[in-house]
Amino acid sequence: MERLTRKLDNNVYVVDDARIKHGENGYSGDAIYKLARLEDMYDKLISREKEITEEMEALRIDGRMHTDRYRHLEGVKITNNTMKMLFDAYWRDK
């Protein structure tokens, strides 16, 4: 993955002017697009977390906790939770 930001000595990150363009509707460009994709990915993790929980609950109610599907969902939930924790650790405001 190509990095778009540069870290300065004082723990500040900058983006080259060529990576961001200002237009009448706000900013755009490579850096903004990549940021938006990260935000979309985080939103998808959150919505998928709710979907997984609901599906697991339905399987639990039906007594199907020992099925391959339930075990698969457990693995996906663990993976998603790990990704969410990483996002939260690095995305958190200073």
C-alpha atoms as a PDB file:
ATOM      1  CA  MET A   1       0.000   0.000   0.000  1.00  0.00           C
ATOM      2  CA  GLU A   2       1.388   3.351  -0.968  1.00  0.00           C
ATOM      3  CA  ARG A   3       1.587   5.744   1.948  1.00  0.00           C
ATOM      4  CA  LEU A   4       0.172   9.219   1.278  1.00  0.00           C
ATOM      5  CA  THR A   5       1.245  10.934   4.485  1.00  0.00           C
ATOM      6  CA  ARG A   6       4.638  11.926   5.824  1.00  0.00           C
ATOM      7  CA  LYS A   7       5.410  12.172   9.520  1.00  0.00           C
ATOM      8  CA  LEU A   8       7.278  15.276  10.614  1.00  0.00           C
ATOM      9  CA  ASP A   9       9.610  15.397  13.612  1.00  0.00           C
ATOM     10  CA  ASN A  10       6.971  16.932  15.890  1.00  0.00           C
ATOM     11  CA  ASN A  11       4.570  13.961  15.445  1.00  0.00           C
ATOM     12  CA  VAL A  12       2.483  15.807  12.862  1.00  0.00           C
ATOM     13  CA  TYR A  13       1.442  14.198   9.591  1.00  0.00           C
ATOM     14  CA  VAL A  14       1.314  16.068   6.289  1.00  0.00           C
ATOM     15  CA  VAL A  15       0.179  15.294   2.746  1.00  0.00           C
ATOM     16  CA  ASP A  16       1.727  16.724  -0.386  1.00  0.00           C
ATOM     17  CA  ASP A  17      -0.369  19.388  -2.139  1.00  0.00           C
ATOM     18  CA  ALA A  18      -0.688  17.174  -5.216  1.00  0.00           C
ATOM     19  CA  ARG A  19      -2.653  14.625  -3.126  1.00  0.00           C
ATOM     20  CA  ILE A  20      -5.421  17.057  -2.152  1.00  0.00           C
ATOM     21  CA  LYS A  21      -7.470  19.400  -4.294  1.00  0.00           C
ATOM     22  CA  HIS A  22      -9.844  22.086  -3.092  1.00  0.00           C
ATOM     23  CA  GLY A  23     -13.106  22.539  -4.958  1.00  0.00           C
ATOM     24  CA  GLU A  24     -16.423  24.242  -4.381  1.00  0.00           C
ATOM     25  CA  ASN A  25     -17.795  21.223  -2.462  1.00  0.00           C
ATOM     26  CA  GLY A  26     -14.743  20.775  -0.223  1.00  0.00           C
ATOM     27  CA  TYR A  27     -11.568  18.765  -0.594  1.00  0.00           C
ATOM     28  CA  SER A  28     -10.895  15.778  -2.830  1.00  0.00           C
ATOM     29  CA  GLY A  29      -7.955  13.819  -4.190  1.00  0.00           C
ATOM     30  CA  ASP A  30      -6.030  10.641  -3.442  1.00  0.00           C
ATOM     31  CA  ALA A  31      -5.629  11.312   0.272  1.00  0.00           C
ATOM     32  CA  ILE A  32      -9.304  12.136   0.787  1.00  0.00           C
ATOM     33  CA  TYR A  33     -10.369   9.079  -1.217  1.00  0.00           C
ATOM     34  CA  LYS A  34      -8.181   6.800   0.898  1.00  0.00           C
ATOM     35  CA  LEU A  35      -9.473   8.337   4.113  1.00  0.00           C
ATOM     36  CA  ALA A  36     -13.052   7.837   2.926  1.00  0.00           C
ATOM     37  CA  ARG A  37     -12.334   4.181   2.126  1.00  0.00           C
ATOM     38  CA  LEU A  38     -10.948   3.637   5.634  1.00  0.00           C
ATOM     39  CA  GLU A  39     -14.032   5.273   7.129  1.00  0.00           C
ATOM     40  CA  ASP A  40     -16.271   3.084   4.935  1.00  0.00           C
ATOM     41  CA  MET A  41     -14.380  -0.009   6.067  1.00  0.00           C
ATOM     42  CA  TYR A  42     -14.837   0.931   9.727  1.00  0.00           C
ATOM     43  CA  ASP A  43     -18.556   1.568   9.177  1.00  0.00           C
ATOM     44  CA  LYS A  44     -18.860  -1.843   7.480  1.00  0.00           C
ATOM     45  CA  LEU A  45     -17.130  -3.510  10.442  1.00  0.00           C
ATOM     46  CA  ILE A  46     -19.643  -1.929  12.811  1.00  0.00           C
ATOM     47  CA  SER A  47     -22.695  -2.848  10.710  1.00  0.00           C
ATOM     48  CA  ARG A  48     -21.374  -6.369  10.109  1.00  0.00           C
ATOM     49  CA  GLU A  49     -20.838  -6.770  13.845  1.00  0.00           C
ATOM     50  CA  LYS A  50     -24.557  -6.124  14.420  1.00  0.00           C
ATOM     51  CA  GLU A  51     -25.552  -8.537  11.616  1.00  0.00           C
ATOM     52  CA  ILE A  52     -23.321 -11.297  13.006  1.00  0.00           C
ATOM     53  CA  THR A  53     -24.676 -10.838  16.530  1.00  0.00           C
ATOM     54  CA  GLU A  54     -28.264 -11.041  15.267  1.00  0.00           C
ATOM     55  CA  GLU A  55     -27.568 -14.169  13.189  1.00  0.00           C
ATOM     56  CA  MET A  56     -25.762 -15.848  16.082  1.00  0.00           C
ATOM     57  CA  GLU A  57     -28.662 -15.037  18.399  1.00  0.00           C
ATOM     58  CA  ALA A  58     -31.142 -16.578  15.931  1.00  0.00           C
ATOM     59  CA  LEU A  59     -29.008 -19.730  15.733  1.00  0.00           C
ATOM     60  CA  ARG A  60     -28.775 -19.820  19.549  1.00  0.00           C
ATOM     61  CA  ILE A  61     -32.567 -19.584  19.865  1.00  0.00           C
ATOM     62  CA  ASP A  62     -32.926 -22.481  17.395  1.00  0.00           C
ATOM     63  CA  GLY A  63     -30.431 -24.537  19.408  1.00  0.00           C
ATOM     64  CA  ARG A  64     -27.921 -24.542  16.560  1.00  0.00           C
ATOM     65  CA  MET A  65     -24.855 -23.407  18.493  1.00  0.00           C
ATOM     66  CA  HIS A  66     -22.804 -26.439  17.426  1.00  0.00           C
ATOM     67  CA  THR A  67     -23.276 -25.986  13.688  1.00  0.00           C
ATOM     68  CA  ASP A  68     -20.530 -25.084  11.240  1.00  0.00           C
ATOM     69  CA  ARG A  69     -22.313 -21.808  10.500  1.00  0.00           C
ATOM     70  CA  TYR A  70     -22.334 -20.759  14.141  1.00  0.00           C
ATOM     71  CA  ARG A  71     -18.650 -21.635  14.550  1.00  0.00           C
ATOM     72  CA  HIS A  72     -17.817 -19.758  11.358  1.00  0.00           C
ATOM     73  CA  LEU A  73     -19.657 -16.692  12.678  1.00  0.00           C
ATOM     74  CA  GLU A  74     -17.705 -16.945  15.946  1.00  0.00           C
ATOM     75  CA  GLY A  75     -14.452 -16.793  13.974  1.00  0.00           C
ATOM     76  CA  VAL A  76     -15.640 -13.866  11.869  1.00  0.00           C
ATOM     77  CA  LYS A  77     -16.769 -12.037  14.999  1.00  0.00           C
ATOM     78  CA  ILE A  78     -13.354 -12.499  16.628  1.00  0.00           C
ATOM     79  CA  THR A  79     -11.591 -11.285  13.468  1.00  0.00           C
ATOM     80  CA  ASN A  80     -13.865  -8.252  13.176  1.00  0.00           C
ATOM     81  CA  ASN A  81     -13.424  -7.413  16.861  1.00  0.00           C
ATOM     82  CA  THR A  82      -9.640  -7.560  16.454  1.00  0.00           C
ATOM     83  CA  MET A  83      -9.804  -5.237  13.439  1.00  0.00           C
ATOM     84  CA  LYS A  84     -12.113  -2.870  15.332  1.00  0.00           C
ATOM     85  CA  MET A  85      -9.720  -2.783  18.295  1.00  0.00           C
ATOM     86  CA  LEU A  86      -6.856  -1.900  15.947  1.00  0.00           C
ATOM     87  CA  PHE A  87      -8.927   0.852  14.337  1.00  0.00           C
ATOM     88  CA  ASP A  88      -9.900   2.179  17.752  1.00  0.00           C
ATOM     89  CA  ALA A  89      -6.287   2.128  18.946  1.00  0.00           C
ATOM     90  CA  TYR A  90      -4.930   4.014  15.934  1.00  0.00           C
ATOM     91  CA  TRP A  91      -7.954   6.082  14.957  1.00  0.00           C
ATOM     92  CA  ARG A  92      -8.640   7.508  18.402  1.00  0.00           C
ATOM     93  CA  ASP A  93      -8.204  11.273  18.777  1.00  0.00           C
ATOM     94  CA  LYS A  94      -5.090  12.420  20.607  1.00  0.00           C
END
